[in-house]
PDB file of N, CA and C in Angstrom:
ATOM      1  N   MET A   1     -27.954 -15.897 -18.186  1.00  0.00           N
ATOM      2  CA  MET A   1     -26.930 -14.943 -17.753  1.00  0.00           C
ATOM      3  C   MET A   1     -27.598 -14.039 -16.694  1.00  0.00           C
ATOM      4  N   SER A   2     -27.032 -13.932 -15.526  1.00  0.00           N
ATOM      5  CA  SER A   2     -27.680 -13.014 -14.557  1.00  0.00           C
ATOM      6  C   SER A   2     -26.921 -11.736 -14.542  1.00  0.00           C
ATOM      7  N   MET A   3     -27.615 -10.668 -14.341  1.00  0.00           N
ATOM      8  CA  MET A   3     -27.075  -9.311 -14.319  1.00  0.00           C
ATOM      9  C   MET A   3     -26.887  -8.826 -12.901  1.00  0.00           C
ATOM     10  N   SER A   4     -25.776  -8.520 -12.452  1.00  0.00           N
ATOM     11  CA  SER A   4     -25.647  -7.868 -11.196  1.00  0.00           C
ATOM     12  C   SER A   4     -25.887  -6.412 -11.253  1.00  0.00           C
ATOM     13  N   ALA A   5     -26.017  -5.763 -10.210  1.00  0.00           N
ATOM     14  CA  ALA A   5     -26.292  -4.334 -10.133  1.00  0.00           C
ATOM     15  C   ALA A   5     -24.907  -3.589 -10.452  1.00  0.00           C
ATOM     16  N   PRO A   6     -25.022  -2.421 -10.972  1.00  0.00           N
ATOM     17  CA  PRO A   6     -23.785  -1.586 -11.249  1.00  0.00           C
ATOM     18  C   PRO A   6     -23.193  -1.291  -9.870  1.00  0.00           C
ATOM     19  N   HIS A   7     -21.865  -1.116  -9.836  1.00  0.00           N
ATOM     20  CA  HIS A   7     -21.111  -0.823  -8.701  1.00  0.00           C
ATOM     21  C   HIS A   7     -19.932   0.102  -9.001  1.00  0.00           C
ATOM     22  N   GLU A   8     -19.399   0.724  -7.943  1.00  0.00           N
ATOM     23  CA  GLU A   8     -18.302   1.591  -8.160  1.00  0.00           C
ATOM     24  C   GLU A   8     -17.004   0.909  -8.096  1.00  0.00           C
ATOM     25  N   ILE A   9     -16.075   1.455  -9.017  1.00  0.00           N
ATOM     26  CA  ILE A   9     -14.661   1.023  -9.003  1.00  0.00           C
ATOM     27  C   ILE A   9     -13.915   2.312  -9.041  1.00  0.00           C
ATOM     28  N   TYR A  10     -12.704   2.279  -8.539  1.00  0.00           N
ATOM     29  CA  TYR A  10     -11.812   3.414  -8.390  1.00  0.00           C
ATOM     30  C   TYR A  10     -10.609   3.200  -9.267  1.00  0.00           C
ATOM     31  N   VAL A  11     -10.224   4.282  -9.975  1.00  0.00           N
ATOM     32  CA  VAL A  11      -9.213   4.099 -11.010  1.00  0.00           C
ATOM     33  C   VAL A  11      -8.287   5.322 -10.975  1.00  0.00           C
ATOM     34  N   ARG A  12      -6.934   5.015 -11.113  1.00  0.00           N
ATOM     35  CA  ARG A  12      -5.976   6.142 -11.292  1.00  0.00           C
ATOM     36  C   ARG A  12      -5.657   6.071 -12.884  1.00  0.00           C
ATOM     37  N   HIS A  13      -5.885   7.264 -13.440  1.00  0.00           N
ATOM     38  CA  HIS A  13      -5.610   7.363 -14.922  1.00  0.00           C
ATOM     39  C   HIS A  13      -4.333   8.200 -15.070  1.00  0.00           C
ATOM     40  N   THR A  14      -3.442   7.749 -15.797  1.00  0.00           N
ATOM     41  CA  THR A  14      -2.169   8.489 -16.099  1.00  0.00           C
ATOM     42  C   THR A  14      -2.058   8.747 -17.551  1.00  0.00           C
ATOM     43  N   SER A  15      -1.852  10.006 -17.991  1.00  0.00           N
ATOM     44  CA  SER A  15      -1.797  10.461 -19.396  1.00  0.00           C
ATOM     45  C   SER A  15      -0.401  10.163 -19.948  1.00  0.00           C
ATOM     46  N   LYS A  16      -0.242  10.288 -21.216  1.00  0.00           N
ATOM     47  CA  LYS A  16       1.147   9.932 -21.822  1.00  0.00           C
ATOM     48  C   LYS A  16       2.204  10.884 -21.384  1.00  0.00           C
ATOM     49  N   ASP A  17       1.860  12.072 -20.816  1.00  0.00           N
ATOM     50  CA  ASP A  17       2.885  12.874 -20.288  1.00  0.00           C
ATOM     51  C   ASP A  17       3.206  12.745 -18.883  1.00  0.00           C
ATOM     52  N   GLY A  18       2.466  11.769 -18.159  1.00  0.00           N
ATOM     53  CA  GLY A  18       2.748  11.325 -16.880  1.00  0.00           C
ATOM     54  C   GLY A  18       1.877  11.976 -15.800  1.00  0.00           C
ATOM     55  N   SER A  19       0.990  12.947 -16.132  1.00  0.00           N
ATOM     56  CA  SER A  19       0.170  13.500 -15.169  1.00  0.00           C
ATOM     57  C   SER A  19      -1.049  12.455 -14.886  1.00  0.00           C
ATOM     58  N   SER A  20      -1.443  12.493 -13.631  1.00  0.00           N
ATOM     59  CA  SER A  20      -2.493  11.535 -13.254  1.00  0.00           C
ATOM     60  C   SER A  20      -3.575  12.111 -12.459  1.00  0.00           C
ATOM     61  N   TYR A  21      -4.715  11.400 -12.458  1.00  0.00           N
ATOM     62  CA  TYR A  21      -5.853  11.775 -11.512  1.00  0.00           C
ATOM     63  C   TYR A  21      -6.574  10.483 -11.149  1.00  0.00           C
ATOM     64  N   VAL A  22      -7.283  10.525 -10.095  1.00  0.00           N
ATOM     65  CA  VAL A  22      -8.134   9.388  -9.678  1.00  0.00           C
ATOM     66  C   VAL A  22      -9.585   9.751  -9.895  1.00  0.00           C
ATOM     67  N   GLN A  23     -10.308   8.673 -10.286  1.00  0.00           N
ATOM     68  CA  GLN A  23     -11.758   8.892 -10.552  1.00  0.00           C
ATOM     69  C   GLN A  23     -12.559   7.670 -10.213  1.00  0.00           C
ATOM     70  N   GLU A  24     -13.799   7.943  -9.793  1.00  0.00           N
ATOM     71  CA  GLU A  24     -14.723   6.885  -9.464  1.00  0.00           C
ATOM     72  C   GLU A  24     -15.540   6.567 -10.726  1.00  0.00           C
ATOM     73  N   HIS A  25     -15.827   5.354 -10.981  1.00  0.00           N
ATOM     74  CA  HIS A  25     -16.631   4.936 -12.129  1.00  0.00           C
ATOM     75  C   HIS A  25     -17.685   3.949 -11.687  1.00  0.00           C
ATOM     76  N   ARG A  26     -18.908   4.163 -12.188  1.00  0.00           N
ATOM     77  CA  ARG A  26     -20.024   3.212 -11.831  1.00  0.00           C
ATOM     78  C   ARG A  26     -20.095   2.307 -13.070  1.00  0.00           C
ATOM     79  N   VAL A  27     -19.931   0.955 -12.861  1.00  0.00           N
ATOM     80  CA  VAL A  27     -19.850   0.009 -13.963  1.00  0.00           C
ATOM     81  C   VAL A  27     -20.624  -1.174 -13.660  1.00  0.00           C
ATOM     82  N   TRP A  28     -21.044  -1.907 -14.769  1.00  0.00           N
ATOM     83  CA  TRP A  28     -21.657  -3.234 -14.592  1.00  0.00           C
ATOM     84  C   TRP A  28     -20.597  -4.286 -14.418  1.00  0.00           C
ATOM     85  N   ASP A  29     -19.549  -4.196 -15.231  1.00  0.00           N
ATOM     86  CA  ASP A  29     -18.503  -5.222 -15.281  1.00  0.00           C
ATOM     87  C   ASP A  29     -17.156  -4.648 -15.204  1.00  0.00           C
ATOM     88  N   ALA A  30     -16.518  -4.719 -14.036  1.00  0.00           N
ATOM     89  CA  ALA A  30     -15.268  -4.123 -13.778  1.00  0.00           C
ATOM     90  C   ALA A  30     -14.234  -4.615 -14.608  1.00  0.00           C
ATOM     91  N   ASP A  31     -14.130  -5.925 -14.797  1.00  0.00           N
ATOM     92  CA  ASP A  31     -13.127  -6.549 -15.629  1.00  0.00           C
ATOM     93  C   ASP A  31     -13.152  -6.067 -17.106  1.00  0.00           C
ATOM     94  N   ARG A  32     -14.373  -6.002 -17.625  1.00  0.00           N
ATOM     95  CA  ARG A  32     -14.574  -5.494 -19.028  1.00  0.00           C
ATOM     96  C   ARG A  32     -14.176  -4.017 -19.120  1.00  0.00           C
ATOM     97  N   PHE A  33     -14.546  -3.212 -18.149  1.00  0.00           N
ATOM     98  CA  PHE A  33     -14.202  -1.770 -18.158  1.00  0.00           C
ATOM     99  C   PHE A  33     -12.711  -1.623 -18.146  1.00  0.00           C
ATOM    100  N   MET A  34     -12.019  -2.353 -17.242  1.00  0.00           N
ATOM    101  CA  MET A  34     -10.573  -2.179 -17.123  1.00  0.00           C
ATOM    102  C   MET A  34      -9.867  -2.686 -18.357  1.00  0.00           C
ATOM    103  N   ALA A  35     -10.407  -3.745 -18.994  1.00  0.00           N
ATOM    104  CA  ALA A  35      -9.724  -4.250 -20.206  1.00  0.00           C
ATOM    105  C   ALA A  35      -9.897  -3.267 -21.323  1.00  0.00           C
ATOM    106  N   ALA A  36     -11.044  -2.558 -21.346  1.00  0.00           N
ATOM    107  CA  ALA A  36     -11.197  -1.532 -22.405  1.00  0.00           C
ATOM    108  C   ALA A  36     -10.266  -0.346 -22.116  1.00  0.00           C
ATOM    109  N   ARG A  37     -10.111   0.059 -20.909  1.00  0.00           N
ATOM    110  CA  ARG A  37      -9.211   1.163 -20.625  1.00  0.00           C
ATOM    111  C   ARG A  37      -7.782   0.810 -20.896  1.00  0.00           C
ATOM    112  N   ARG A  38      -7.333  -0.543 -20.600  1.00  0.00           N
ATOM    113  CA  ARG A  38      -5.997  -0.897 -20.869  1.00  0.00           C
ATOM    114  C   ARG A  38      -5.759  -0.936 -22.409  1.00  0.00           C
ATOM    115  N   ASP A  39      -6.817  -1.268 -23.156  1.00  0.00           N
ATOM    116  CA  ASP A  39      -6.619  -1.158 -24.644  1.00  0.00           C
ATOM    117  C   ASP A  39      -6.437   0.241 -25.062  1.00  0.00           C
ATOM    118  N   ASP A  40      -7.175   1.181 -24.485  1.00  0.00           N
ATOM    119  CA  ASP A  40      -7.095   2.560 -24.774  1.00  0.00           C
ATOM    120  C   ASP A  40      -5.658   3.095 -24.442  1.00  0.00           C
ATOM    121  N   VAL A  41      -5.152   2.778 -23.279  1.00  0.00           N
ATOM    122  CA  VAL A  41      -3.861   3.234 -22.849  1.00  0.00           C
ATOM    123  C   VAL A  41      -2.757   2.675 -23.724  1.00  0.00           C
ATOM    124  N   ALA A  42      -2.889   1.440 -24.177  1.00  0.00           N
ATOM    125  CA  ALA A  42      -1.929   0.836 -25.075  1.00  0.00           C
ATOM    126  C   ALA A  42      -1.770   1.645 -26.388  1.00  0.00           C
ATOM    127  N   LYS A  43      -2.914   2.183 -26.929  1.00  0.00           N
ATOM    128  CA  LYS A  43      -2.887   2.992 -28.111  1.00  0.00           C
ATOM    129  C   LYS A  43      -2.244   4.337 -27.903  1.00  0.00           C
ATOM    130  N   GLU A  44      -2.436   4.906 -26.659  1.00  0.00           N
ATOM    131  CA  GLU A  44      -1.900   6.217 -26.365  1.00  0.00           C
ATOM    132  C   GLU A  44      -0.413   6.311 -26.323  1.00  0.00           C
ATOM    133  N   GLY A  45       0.230   5.300 -25.754  1.00  0.00           N
ATOM    134  CA  GLY A  45       1.644   5.264 -25.683  1.00  0.00           C
ATOM    135  C   GLY A  45       2.176   6.171 -24.494  1.00  0.00           C
ATOM    136  N   GLY A  46       3.472   6.460 -24.641  1.00  0.00           N
ATOM    137  CA  GLY A  46       4.060   7.361 -23.645  1.00  0.00           C
ATOM    138  C   GLY A  46       4.011   6.745 -22.242  1.00  0.00           C
ATOM    139  N   LYS A  47       3.699   7.551 -21.224  1.00  0.00           N
ATOM    140  CA  LYS A  47       3.585   7.069 -19.869  1.00  0.00           C
ATOM    141  C   LYS A  47       2.167   6.721 -19.536  1.00  0.00           C
ATOM    142  N   SER A  48       1.224   6.590 -20.445  1.00  0.00           N
ATOM    143  CA  SER A  48      -0.150   6.231 -20.238  1.00  0.00           C
ATOM    144  C   SER A  48      -0.237   4.947 -19.470  1.00  0.00           C
ATOM    145  N   ALA A  49      -1.176   5.047 -18.445  1.00  0.00           N
ATOM    146  CA  ALA A  49      -1.383   3.889 -17.599  1.00  0.00           C
ATOM    147  C   ALA A  49      -2.796   3.949 -17.000  1.00  0.00           C
ATOM    148  N   VAL A  50      -3.351   2.865 -16.570  1.00  0.00           N
ATOM    149  CA  VAL A  50      -4.573   2.767 -15.755  1.00  0.00           C
ATOM    150  C   VAL A  50      -4.341   1.766 -14.702  1.00  0.00           C
ATOM    151  N   GLN A  51      -4.823   2.097 -13.450  1.00  0.00           N
ATOM    152  CA  GLN A  51      -4.699   1.176 -12.372  1.00  0.00           C
ATOM    153  C   GLN A  51      -5.887   1.196 -11.522  1.00  0.00           C
ATOM    154  N   GLN A  52      -6.501   0.042 -11.179  1.00  0.00           N
ATOM    155  CA  GLN A  52      -7.613   0.004 -10.376  1.00  0.00           C
ATOM    156  C   GLN A  52      -7.159   0.125  -8.846  1.00  0.00           C
ATOM    157  N   LEU A  53      -7.891   0.931  -8.053  1.00  0.00           N
ATOM    158  CA  LEU A  53      -7.490   1.234  -6.715  1.00  0.00           C
ATOM    159  C   LEU A  53      -8.615   0.682  -5.769  1.00  0.00           C
ATOM    160  N   THR A  54      -8.302   0.526  -4.509  1.00  0.00           N
ATOM    161  CA  THR A  54      -9.292   0.290  -3.515  1.00  0.00           C
ATOM    162  C   THR A  54      -9.981   1.559  -3.143  1.00  0.00           C
ATOM    163  N   ARG A  55     -11.087   1.424  -2.459  1.00  0.00           N
ATOM    164  CA  ARG A  55     -11.835   2.615  -2.034  1.00  0.00           C
ATOM    165  C   ARG A  55     -10.874   3.486  -1.096  1.00  0.00           C
ATOM    166  N   GLU A  56     -10.156   2.780  -0.193  1.00  0.00           N
ATOM    167  CA  GLU A  56      -9.277   3.482   0.764  1.00  0.00           C
ATOM    168  C   GLU A  56      -8.194   4.239   0.014  1.00  0.00           C
ATOM    169  N   GLN A  57      -7.574   3.571  -1.039  1.00  0.00           N
ATOM    170  CA  GLN A  57      -6.598   4.177  -1.814  1.00  0.00           C
ATOM    171  C   GLN A  57      -7.099   5.445  -2.487  1.00  0.00           C
ATOM    172  N   PHE A  58      -8.286   5.278  -3.049  1.00  0.00           N
ATOM    173  CA  PHE A  58      -8.995   6.384  -3.804  1.00  0.00           C
ATOM    174  C   PHE A  58      -9.183   7.581  -2.856  1.00  0.00           C
ATOM    175  N   LEU A  59      -9.766   7.307  -1.682  1.00  0.00           N
ATOM    176  CA  LEU A  59     -10.081   8.430  -0.745  1.00  0.00           C
ATOM    177  C   LEU A  59      -8.769   9.098  -0.281  1.00  0.00           C
ATOM    178  N   ALA A  60      -7.727   8.360  -0.044  1.00  0.00           N
ATOM    179  CA  ALA A  60      -6.480   8.859   0.428  1.00  0.00           C
ATOM    180  C   ALA A  60      -5.827   9.795  -0.683  1.00  0.00           C
ATOM    181  N   GLN A  61      -5.906   9.444  -1.931  1.00  0.00           N
ATOM    182  CA  GLN A  61      -5.355  10.181  -3.032  1.00  0.00           C
ATOM    183  C   GLN A  61      -6.159  11.235  -3.555  1.00  0.00           C
ATOM    184  N   LYS A  62      -7.467  11.225  -3.232  1.00  0.00           N
ATOM    185  CA  LYS A  62      -8.366  12.304  -3.676  1.00  0.00           C
ATOM    186  C   LYS A  62      -8.206  13.538  -2.839  1.00  0.00           C
ATOM    187  N   LYS A  63      -7.638  13.463  -1.653  1.00  0.00           N
ATOM    188  CA  LYS A  63      -7.481  14.682  -0.798  1.00  0.00           C
ATOM    189  C   LYS A  63      -6.486  15.611  -1.301  1.00  0.00           C
TER     190      LYS A  63
END
């Protein structure tokens, strides 16, 4: 198994009350990270959500 270097992914996190924020994460495995976040969101209920963004979307929404 080869290990790749960690890299950045960009994510919009939405809480169960609907408020959201964008955040940069440094991860080894983006698919595994997002799967774990989706599991967390499913447990929270309400309007909770998580969405991976492109760097351009992240920069536009961070302003």
